[in-house]
Amino acid sequence: MKALFSTAAVFFAISLSSSAFAHVPSFPKDEPYAKARKALLKKGWKPVHAPEAGFVCQKGDPRCKGRPETVSCAGTGNANCIFRWKRKDVVIDVNTVGETKPVITEVTCHSGCR
């Protein structure tokens, strides 16, 4: 009975941790953000509008147009942007570079991951 309980506890712990990580999508490095955005929407992810970021896109900035999930975009350098998404309790940040056609550099968990 003790061995059965131990096995069940280990299985439960593994399923909890793997299910949290399973919710964080991955994309190939340099995947176009436009393509990844379509995939996120299709898989049930919702754009998160982050007004607390205090970010306002400049008029005509193609990186922000039609993307309420924009948290921030740099105006110089590599034109880095952060886009925030949510599904259930998991919130992710999708980081990109590139001004005219941003590509993904990484996806990180913002909250809800264990």
N, C-alpha and C. Protein backbone atom coordinates (compact mmCIF):
# COMPACT_ATOMS: atom_id res chain seq x y z
N MET A 1 0.83 -1.19 0.00
CA MET A 1 0.00 0.00 0.00
C MET A 1 0.87 1.25 0.00
N LYS A 2 1.94 1.22 0.82
CA LYS A 2 2.86 2.35 0.90
C LYS A 2 3.53 2.59 -0.45
N ALA A 3 3.93 1.53 -1.12
CA ALA A 3 4.57 1.65 -2.44
C ALA A 3 3.58 2.20 -3.46
N LEU A 4 2.34 1.78 -3.38
CA LEU A 4 1.32 2.27 -4.29
C LEU A 4 1.09 3.77 -4.10
N PHE A 5 1.04 4.22 -2.84
CA PHE A 5 0.87 5.64 -2.55
C PHE A 5 2.06 6.44 -3.07
N SER A 6 3.27 5.94 -2.86
CA SER A 6 4.48 6.63 -3.35
C SER A 6 4.48 6.74 -4.86
N THR A 7 4.11 5.66 -5.53
CA THR A 7 4.06 5.68 -6.99
C THR A 7 3.01 6.67 -7.48
N ALA A 8 1.86 6.69 -6.83
CA ALA A 8 0.80 7.62 -7.22
C ALA A 8 1.23 9.06 -7.00
N ALA A 9 1.92 9.32 -5.89
CA ALA A 9 2.38 10.69 -5.59
C ALA A 9 3.39 11.15 -6.63
N VAL A 10 4.31 10.28 -7.01
CA VAL A 10 5.31 10.63 -8.02
C VAL A 10 4.62 10.89 -9.36
N PHE A 11 3.70 10.03 -9.75
CA PHE A 11 2.98 10.21 -11.01
C PHE A 11 2.22 11.53 -11.01
N PHE A 12 1.56 11.86 -9.89
CA PHE A 12 0.80 13.10 -9.79
C PHE A 12 1.72 14.31 -9.92
N ALA A 13 2.86 14.29 -9.27
CA ALA A 13 3.82 15.40 -9.33
C ALA A 13 4.35 15.57 -10.75
N ILE A 14 4.66 14.48 -11.42
CA ILE A 14 5.16 14.55 -12.79
C ILE A 14 4.08 15.10 -13.72
N SER A 15 2.85 14.65 -13.55
CA SER A 15 1.79 15.12 -14.43
C SER A 15 1.51 16.60 -14.22
N LEU A 16 1.62 17.08 -12.98
CA LEU A 16 1.42 18.51 -12.73
C LEU A 16 2.50 19.34 -13.41
N SER A 17 3.75 18.94 -13.23
CA SER A 17 4.83 19.75 -13.80
C SER A 17 4.85 19.65 -15.32
N SER A 18 4.61 18.49 -15.88
CA SER A 18 4.66 18.38 -17.33
C SER A 18 3.46 19.07 -17.98
N SER A 19 2.30 19.07 -17.30
CA SER A 19 1.16 19.73 -17.90
C SER A 19 1.35 21.23 -17.93
N ALA A 20 2.02 21.79 -16.93
CA ALA A 20 2.28 23.24 -16.94
C ALA A 20 3.20 23.59 -18.09
N PHE A 21 4.23 22.79 -18.28
CA PHE A 21 5.17 23.10 -19.34
C PHE A 21 4.58 22.79 -20.72
N ALA A 22 3.65 21.85 -20.77
CA ALA A 22 3.04 21.51 -22.05
C ALA A 22 2.21 22.67 -22.59
N HIS A 23 1.79 23.58 -21.71
CA HIS A 23 0.97 24.71 -22.13
C HIS A 23 1.79 25.83 -22.77
N VAL A 24 3.09 25.81 -22.62
CA VAL A 24 3.94 26.85 -23.20
C VAL A 24 4.36 26.40 -24.60
N PRO A 25 3.88 27.09 -25.62
CA PRO A 25 4.21 26.68 -26.98
C PRO A 25 5.66 26.99 -27.32
N SER A 26 6.16 26.29 -28.29
CA SER A 26 7.51 26.59 -28.78
C SER A 26 7.44 26.77 -30.29
N PHE A 27 8.34 27.59 -30.76
CA PHE A 27 8.44 27.86 -32.19
C PHE A 27 9.90 27.81 -32.58
N PRO A 28 10.17 27.48 -33.82
CA PRO A 28 11.56 27.52 -34.27
C PRO A 28 12.11 28.95 -34.18
N LYS A 29 13.37 29.06 -33.85
CA LYS A 29 13.99 30.38 -33.84
C LYS A 29 13.84 30.99 -35.23
N ASP A 30 13.59 32.26 -35.27
CA ASP A 30 13.40 33.02 -36.50
C ASP A 30 12.09 32.71 -37.23
N GLU A 31 11.14 32.06 -36.53
CA GLU A 31 9.80 31.86 -37.09
C GLU A 31 9.16 33.24 -37.24
N PRO A 32 8.57 33.55 -38.38
CA PRO A 32 7.91 34.85 -38.52
C PRO A 32 6.79 34.99 -37.48
N TYR A 33 6.74 36.13 -36.81
CA TYR A 33 5.72 36.34 -35.79
C TYR A 33 4.31 36.23 -36.37
N ALA A 34 4.11 36.71 -37.58
CA ALA A 34 2.79 36.64 -38.20
C ALA A 34 2.30 35.19 -38.29
N LYS A 35 3.18 34.28 -38.63
CA LYS A 35 2.83 32.86 -38.73
C LYS A 35 2.56 32.28 -37.34
N ALA A 36 3.40 32.62 -36.38
CA ALA A 36 3.23 32.13 -35.01
C ALA A 36 1.94 32.67 -34.40
N ARG A 37 1.62 33.91 -34.69
CA ARG A 37 0.40 34.54 -34.17
C ARG A 37 -0.84 33.77 -34.63
N LYS A 38 -0.87 33.40 -35.89
CA LYS A 38 -2.00 32.61 -36.42
C LYS A 38 -2.10 31.27 -35.70
N ALA A 39 -0.95 30.64 -35.46
CA ALA A 39 -0.93 29.35 -34.77
C ALA A 39 -1.42 29.49 -33.33
N LEU A 40 -1.02 30.56 -32.65
CA LEU A 40 -1.47 30.77 -31.27
C LEU A 40 -2.99 30.95 -31.22
N LEU A 41 -3.52 31.76 -32.10
CA LEU A 41 -4.97 31.96 -32.14
C LEU A 41 -5.70 30.65 -32.40
N LYS A 42 -5.18 29.87 -33.33
CA LYS A 42 -5.80 28.60 -33.69
C LYS A 42 -5.80 27.61 -32.52
N LYS A 43 -4.76 27.69 -31.66
CA LYS A 43 -4.64 26.77 -30.53
C LYS A 43 -5.31 27.30 -29.26
N GLY A 44 -6.08 28.38 -29.40
CA GLY A 44 -6.85 28.87 -28.26
C GLY A 44 -6.18 29.91 -27.39
N TRP A 45 -5.01 30.39 -27.77
CA TRP A 45 -4.36 31.46 -27.03
C TRP A 45 -5.07 32.77 -27.34
N LYS A 46 -5.16 33.64 -26.35
CA LYS A 46 -5.82 34.94 -26.50
C LYS A 46 -4.80 36.06 -26.30
N PRO A 47 -4.86 37.09 -27.14
CA PRO A 47 -3.98 38.24 -26.93
C PRO A 47 -4.29 38.91 -25.59
N VAL A 48 -3.25 39.31 -24.89
CA VAL A 48 -3.42 40.03 -23.63
C VAL A 48 -3.07 41.49 -23.86
N HIS A 49 -4.03 42.34 -23.65
CA HIS A 49 -3.76 43.78 -23.74
C HIS A 49 -3.17 44.19 -22.40
N ALA A 50 -1.99 44.76 -22.42
CA ALA A 50 -1.28 45.08 -21.18
C ALA A 50 -1.16 46.59 -20.99
N PRO A 51 -2.23 47.24 -20.58
CA PRO A 51 -2.18 48.70 -20.43
C PRO A 51 -1.20 49.14 -19.35
N GLU A 52 -0.91 48.26 -18.39
CA GLU A 52 0.03 48.62 -17.34
C GLU A 52 1.45 48.84 -17.86
N ALA A 53 1.71 48.35 -19.04
CA ALA A 53 3.05 48.53 -19.62
C ALA A 53 3.30 49.98 -19.99
N GLY A 54 2.24 50.75 -20.18
CA GLY A 54 2.40 52.15 -20.53
C GLY A 54 2.92 52.34 -21.94
N PHE A 55 2.75 51.35 -22.76
CA PHE A 55 3.29 51.40 -24.11
C PHE A 55 2.25 51.90 -25.08
N VAL A 56 2.63 52.82 -25.90
CA VAL A 56 1.75 53.29 -26.97
C VAL A 56 2.53 53.17 -28.27
N CYS A 57 1.97 52.43 -29.20
CA CYS A 57 2.64 52.29 -30.50
C CYS A 57 2.58 53.61 -31.25
N GLN A 58 3.66 53.89 -31.96
CA GLN A 58 3.64 55.07 -32.82
C GLN A 58 2.74 54.77 -34.00
N LYS A 59 2.03 55.77 -34.44
CA LYS A 59 1.12 55.59 -35.57
C LYS A 59 1.89 55.05 -36.78
N GLY A 60 1.33 53.99 -37.35
CA GLY A 60 1.94 53.40 -38.53
C GLY A 60 3.00 52.35 -38.26
N ASP A 61 3.30 52.06 -37.00
CA ASP A 61 4.30 51.04 -36.68
C ASP A 61 3.72 49.68 -37.05
N PRO A 62 4.27 49.02 -38.07
CA PRO A 62 3.70 47.76 -38.55
C PRO A 62 3.78 46.63 -37.52
N ARG A 63 4.68 46.75 -36.56
CA ARG A 63 4.81 45.70 -35.55
C ARG A 63 3.62 45.66 -34.62
N CYS A 64 2.95 46.77 -34.44
CA CYS A 64 1.86 46.88 -33.46
C CYS A 64 0.47 46.86 -34.09
N LYS A 65 0.39 47.20 -35.33
CA LYS A 65 -0.90 47.33 -36.01
C LYS A 65 -1.70 46.02 -35.94
N GLY A 66 -2.89 46.11 -35.34
CA GLY A 66 -3.75 44.95 -35.23
C GLY A 66 -3.25 43.90 -34.25
N ARG A 67 -2.38 44.30 -33.34
CA ARG A 67 -1.81 43.36 -32.37
C ARG A 67 -1.97 43.92 -30.95
N PRO A 68 -3.14 43.73 -30.35
CA PRO A 68 -3.35 44.27 -29.01
C PRO A 68 -2.47 43.63 -27.96
N GLU A 69 -1.83 42.54 -28.30
CA GLU A 69 -0.96 41.83 -27.37
C GLU A 69 0.42 42.48 -27.22
N THR A 70 0.67 43.57 -27.93
CA THR A 70 1.97 44.24 -27.86
C THR A 70 2.18 44.82 -26.47
N VAL A 71 3.26 44.41 -25.82
CA VAL A 71 3.64 44.95 -24.51
C VAL A 71 4.62 46.08 -24.71
N SER A 72 5.63 45.85 -25.54
CA SER A 72 6.62 46.89 -25.81
C SER A 72 7.37 46.58 -27.09
N CYS A 73 7.85 47.63 -27.73
CA CYS A 73 8.71 47.52 -28.90
C CYS A 73 9.78 48.60 -28.81
N ALA A 74 11.00 48.22 -29.06
CA ALA A 74 12.10 49.18 -29.05
C ALA A 74 12.07 50.00 -30.34
N GLY A 75 12.40 51.25 -30.21
CA GLY A 75 12.43 52.13 -31.38
C GLY A 75 13.76 52.13 -32.09
N THR A 76 14.76 51.54 -31.48
CA THR A 76 16.10 51.52 -32.08
C THR A 76 16.72 50.13 -31.92
N GLY A 77 17.91 49.98 -32.43
CA GLY A 77 18.64 48.72 -32.30
C GLY A 77 18.03 47.63 -33.15
N ASN A 78 17.72 46.48 -32.51
CA ASN A 78 17.19 45.32 -33.23
C ASN A 78 15.68 45.35 -33.40
N ALA A 79 15.04 46.44 -32.96
CA ALA A 79 13.57 46.56 -33.02
C ALA A 79 12.90 45.42 -32.27
N ASN A 80 13.40 45.14 -31.08
CA ASN A 80 12.85 44.08 -30.23
C ASN A 80 11.43 44.41 -29.81
N CYS A 81 10.56 43.39 -29.78
CA CYS A 81 9.19 43.53 -29.28
C CYS A 81 8.88 42.38 -28.34
N ILE A 82 7.93 42.64 -27.45
CA ILE A 82 7.37 41.61 -26.58
C ILE A 82 5.87 41.60 -26.79
N PHE A 83 5.33 40.40 -27.06
CA PHE A 83 3.91 40.21 -27.26
C PHE A 83 3.42 39.24 -26.19
N ARG A 84 2.30 39.55 -25.53
CA ARG A 84 1.81 38.73 -24.42
C ARG A 84 0.53 37.99 -24.81
N TRP A 85 0.48 36.70 -24.42
CA TRP A 85 -0.64 35.81 -24.72
C TRP A 85 -1.05 35.04 -23.48
N LYS A 86 -2.34 34.61 -23.45
CA LYS A 86 -2.84 33.85 -22.31
C LYS A 86 -3.73 32.71 -22.79
N ARG A 87 -3.58 31.57 -22.11
CA ARG A 87 -4.49 30.44 -22.28
C ARG A 87 -4.65 29.79 -20.92
N LYS A 88 -5.89 29.75 -20.45
CA LYS A 88 -6.21 29.27 -19.10
C LYS A 88 -5.42 30.12 -18.11
N ASP A 89 -4.58 29.50 -17.27
CA ASP A 89 -3.83 30.26 -16.26
C ASP A 89 -2.41 30.59 -16.70
N VAL A 90 -2.04 30.21 -17.89
CA VAL A 90 -0.66 30.40 -18.36
C VAL A 90 -0.58 31.66 -19.23
N VAL A 91 0.37 32.53 -18.89
CA VAL A 91 0.61 33.75 -19.66
C VAL A 91 2.05 33.68 -20.17
N ILE A 92 2.19 33.89 -21.48
CA ILE A 92 3.52 33.82 -22.09
C ILE A 92 3.88 35.15 -22.74
N ASP A 93 5.18 35.36 -22.89
CA ASP A 93 5.70 36.49 -23.65
C ASP A 93 6.43 35.92 -24.86
N VAL A 94 6.09 36.45 -26.02
CA VAL A 94 6.77 36.07 -27.26
C VAL A 94 7.67 37.23 -27.63
N ASN A 95 8.97 36.98 -27.66
CA ASN A 95 9.97 38.01 -27.96
C ASN A 95 10.39 37.92 -29.41
N THR A 96 10.48 39.09 -30.05
CA THR A 96 10.84 39.13 -31.46
C THR A 96 11.90 40.18 -31.73
N VAL A 97 12.50 40.10 -32.90
CA VAL A 97 13.37 41.14 -33.44
C VAL A 97 12.96 41.40 -34.87
N GLY A 98 13.24 42.60 -35.32
CA GLY A 98 12.94 42.94 -36.71
C GLY A 98 11.82 43.94 -36.81
N GLU A 99 12.05 44.97 -37.59
CA GLU A 99 11.06 46.05 -37.68
C GLU A 99 9.95 45.77 -38.67
N THR A 100 10.29 45.33 -39.87
CA THR A 100 9.24 45.17 -40.87
C THR A 100 8.60 43.78 -40.84
N LYS A 101 9.38 42.76 -40.56
CA LYS A 101 8.87 41.39 -40.47
C LYS A 101 9.49 40.73 -39.24
N PRO A 102 8.90 40.99 -38.05
CA PRO A 102 9.50 40.45 -36.82
C PRO A 102 9.53 38.92 -36.82
N VAL A 103 10.60 38.39 -36.26
CA VAL A 103 10.77 36.95 -36.11
C VAL A 103 10.98 36.63 -34.63
N ILE A 104 10.60 35.44 -34.24
CA ILE A 104 10.67 35.03 -32.84
C ILE A 104 12.11 34.72 -32.44
N THR A 105 12.48 35.25 -31.27
CA THR A 105 13.77 34.91 -30.70
C THR A 105 13.61 33.95 -29.53
N GLU A 106 12.49 34.08 -28.79
CA GLU A 106 12.21 33.14 -27.69
C GLU A 106 10.78 33.32 -27.20
N VAL A 107 10.29 32.29 -26.51
CA VAL A 107 9.01 32.34 -25.84
C VAL A 107 9.29 32.05 -24.38
N THR A 108 8.83 32.94 -23.49
CA THR A 108 9.07 32.75 -22.07
C THR A 108 7.74 32.75 -21.32
N CYS A 109 7.73 32.09 -20.18
CA CYS A 109 6.54 32.08 -19.36
C CYS A 109 6.53 33.32 -18.50
N HIS A 110 5.45 34.08 -18.58
CA HIS A 110 5.29 35.29 -17.77
C HIS A 110 4.68 34.94 -16.41
N SER A 111 3.67 34.06 -16.41
CA SER A 111 3.07 33.62 -15.15
C SER A 111 2.24 32.36 -15.38
N GLY A 112 1.94 31.70 -14.30
CA GLY A 112 1.11 30.50 -14.34
C GLY A 112 1.85 29.20 -14.59
N CYS A 113 3.15 29.27 -14.73
CA CYS A 113 3.94 28.05 -14.93
C CYS A 113 4.46 27.57 -13.58
N ARG A 114 4.64 26.30 -13.50
CA ARG A 114 5.16 25.73 -12.25
C ARG A 114 6.55 25.24 -12.46
